[in-house]
């Protein structure tokens, strides 16, 4: 049986950030995730609230970039 110093359950943004923060050569850190690749659940989703531009003044550059960005095609293999 393999001995592990620290096991992190969840390979999303938080789990990976914790692993990066505590990683050192003398410590074995295992990250367990249920998906075949890391960051495939909530970490990969975008609520698009920001892309609606609602947090920026109407007609501002940030608002128009958010709206324009929301109309761009999504990358293949990402969240739907």
C-alpha atoms as a PDB file:
ATOM      1  CA  UNK A   1       0.000   0.000   0.000  1.00  0.00           C
ATOM      2  CA  UNK A   2       1.229   3.452  -0.958  1.00  0.00           C
ATOM      3  CA  UNK A   3       1.710   5.984   1.840  1.00  0.00           C
ATOM      4  CA  UNK A   4       0.521   9.502   1.082  1.00  0.00           C
ATOM      5  CA  UNK A   5       1.122  12.586   3.198  1.00  0.00           C
ATOM      6  CA  UNK A   6      -1.852  14.622   1.941  1.00  0.00           C
ATOM      7  CA  UNK A   7      -4.854  13.716  -0.209  1.00  0.00           C
ATOM      8  CA  UNK A   8      -6.979  16.429  -1.757  1.00  0.00           C
ATOM      9  CA  UNK A   9     -10.424  15.446  -2.971  1.00  0.00           C
ATOM     10  CA  UNK A  10     -11.498  17.567  -5.897  1.00  0.00           C
ATOM     11  CA  UNK A  11      -9.432  18.590  -8.920  1.00  0.00           C
ATOM     12  CA  UNK A  12     -11.100  21.926  -9.547  1.00  0.00           C
ATOM     13  CA  UNK A  13      -9.718  25.399  -9.028  1.00  0.00           C
ATOM     14  CA  UNK A  14      -9.734  25.144  -5.225  1.00  0.00           C
ATOM     15  CA  UNK A  15      -8.222  21.653  -4.993  1.00  0.00           C
ATOM     16  CA  UNK A  16      -5.486  22.448  -7.499  1.00  0.00           C
ATOM     17  CA  UNK A  17      -4.738  25.775  -5.793  1.00  0.00           C
ATOM     18  CA  UNK A  18      -4.386  24.090  -2.435  1.00  0.00           C
ATOM     19  CA  UNK A  19      -2.088  21.451  -3.928  1.00  0.00           C
ATOM     20  CA  UNK A  20       0.090  24.124  -5.548  1.00  0.00           C
ATOM     21  CA  UNK A  21       0.290  26.066  -2.297  1.00  0.00           C
ATOM     22  CA  UNK A  22       1.337  23.117  -0.114  1.00  0.00           C
ATOM     23  CA  UNK A  23       3.543  21.283  -2.635  1.00  0.00           C
ATOM     24  CA  UNK A  24       7.167  20.686  -1.676  1.00  0.00           C
ATOM     25  CA  UNK A  25       9.731  18.035  -2.597  1.00  0.00           C
ATOM     26  CA  UNK A  26       9.533  16.133   0.703  1.00  0.00           C
ATOM     27  CA  UNK A  27       5.718  15.888   0.748  1.00  0.00           C
ATOM     28  CA  UNK A  28       3.565  13.539  -1.319  1.00  0.00           C
ATOM     29  CA  UNK A  29       0.328  15.199  -2.374  1.00  0.00           C
ATOM     30  CA  UNK A  30      -2.353  13.256  -4.244  1.00  0.00           C
ATOM     31  CA  UNK A  31      -5.288  14.965  -5.944  1.00  0.00           C
ATOM     32  CA  UNK A  32      -8.372  12.824  -6.511  1.00  0.00           C
ATOM     33  CA  UNK A  33     -11.042  13.844  -8.986  1.00  0.00           C
ATOM     34  CA  UNK A  34     -13.975  11.958 -10.440  1.00  0.00           C
ATOM     35  CA  UNK A  35     -13.446  13.201 -14.005  1.00  0.00           C
ATOM     36  CA  UNK A  36     -10.811  12.066 -16.517  1.00  0.00           C
ATOM     37  CA  UNK A  37      -9.226  15.547 -16.527  1.00  0.00           C
ATOM     38  CA  UNK A  38      -8.968  18.337 -13.970  1.00  0.00           C
ATOM     39  CA  UNK A  39     -11.244  21.384 -13.992  1.00  0.00           C
ATOM     40  CA  UNK A  40     -14.182  19.714 -15.766  1.00  0.00           C
ATOM     41  CA  UNK A  41     -17.065  20.742 -13.526  1.00  0.00           C
ATOM     42  CA  UNK A  42     -17.901  24.065 -11.897  1.00  0.00           C
ATOM     43  CA  UNK A  43     -14.326  25.293 -12.413  1.00  0.00           C
ATOM     44  CA  UNK A  44     -14.825  25.126 -16.176  1.00  0.00           C
ATOM     45  CA  UNK A  45     -18.247  26.768 -16.218  1.00  0.00           C
ATOM     46  CA  UNK A  46     -18.889  30.394 -16.896  1.00  0.00           C
ATOM     47  CA  UNK A  47     -22.136  31.880 -15.617  1.00  0.00           C
ATOM     48  CA  UNK A  48     -21.812  34.650 -18.229  1.00  0.00           C
ATOM     49  CA  UNK A  49     -23.097  37.195 -15.715  1.00  0.00           C
ATOM     50  CA  UNK A  50     -20.020  39.330 -16.340  1.00  0.00           C
ATOM     51  CA  UNK A  51     -20.299  38.846 -20.099  1.00  0.00           C
ATOM     52  CA  UNK A  52     -23.743  40.376 -19.986  1.00  0.00           C
ATOM     53  CA  UNK A  53     -22.004  43.631 -19.097  1.00  0.00           C
ATOM     54  CA  UNK A  54     -24.436  44.372 -16.265  1.00  0.00           C
ATOM     55  CA  UNK A  55     -21.730  45.333 -13.781  1.00  0.00           C
ATOM     56  CA  UNK A  56     -20.275  48.110 -15.951  1.00  0.00           C
ATOM     57  CA  UNK A  57     -21.661  51.493 -16.987  1.00  0.00           C
ATOM     58  CA  UNK A  58     -23.879  51.321 -20.071  1.00  0.00           C
ATOM     59  CA  UNK A  59     -21.920  52.137 -23.208  1.00  0.00           C
ATOM     60  CA  UNK A  60     -18.523  51.712 -21.511  1.00  0.00           C
ATOM     61  CA  UNK A  61     -15.684  49.839 -23.169  1.00  0.00           C
ATOM     62  CA  UNK A  62     -15.876  47.067 -20.552  1.00  0.00           C
ATOM     63  CA  UNK A  63     -19.610  46.606 -21.099  1.00  0.00           C
ATOM     64  CA  UNK A  64     -19.250  46.467 -24.890  1.00  0.00           C
ATOM     65  CA  UNK A  65     -16.322  44.007 -24.677  1.00  0.00           C
ATOM     66  CA  UNK A  66     -18.370  41.761 -22.385  1.00  0.00           C
ATOM     67  CA  UNK A  67     -21.328  41.752 -24.746  1.00  0.00           C
ATOM     68  CA  UNK A  68     -19.095  41.170 -27.785  1.00  0.00           C
ATOM     69  CA  UNK A  69     -17.264  38.359 -25.958  1.00  0.00           C
ATOM     70  CA  UNK A  70     -20.522  36.613 -25.118  1.00  0.00           C
ATOM     71  CA  UNK A  71     -21.340  36.437 -28.819  1.00  0.00           C
ATOM     72  CA  UNK A  72     -18.071  34.687 -29.756  1.00  0.00           C
ATOM     73  CA  UNK A  73     -18.213  30.942 -30.466  1.00  0.00           C
ATOM     74  CA  UNK A  74     -17.306  28.710 -27.531  1.00  0.00           C
ATOM     75  CA  UNK A  75     -14.215  26.485 -27.778  1.00  0.00           C
ATOM     76  CA  UNK A  76     -14.927  22.838 -28.575  1.00  0.00           C
ATOM     77  CA  UNK A  77     -14.779  20.462 -25.627  1.00  0.00           C
ATOM     78  CA  UNK A  78     -15.551  23.143 -23.054  1.00  0.00           C
ATOM     79  CA  UNK A  79     -18.632  23.677 -20.949  1.00  0.00           C
ATOM     80  CA  UNK A  80     -21.909  23.948 -22.805  1.00  0.00           C
END
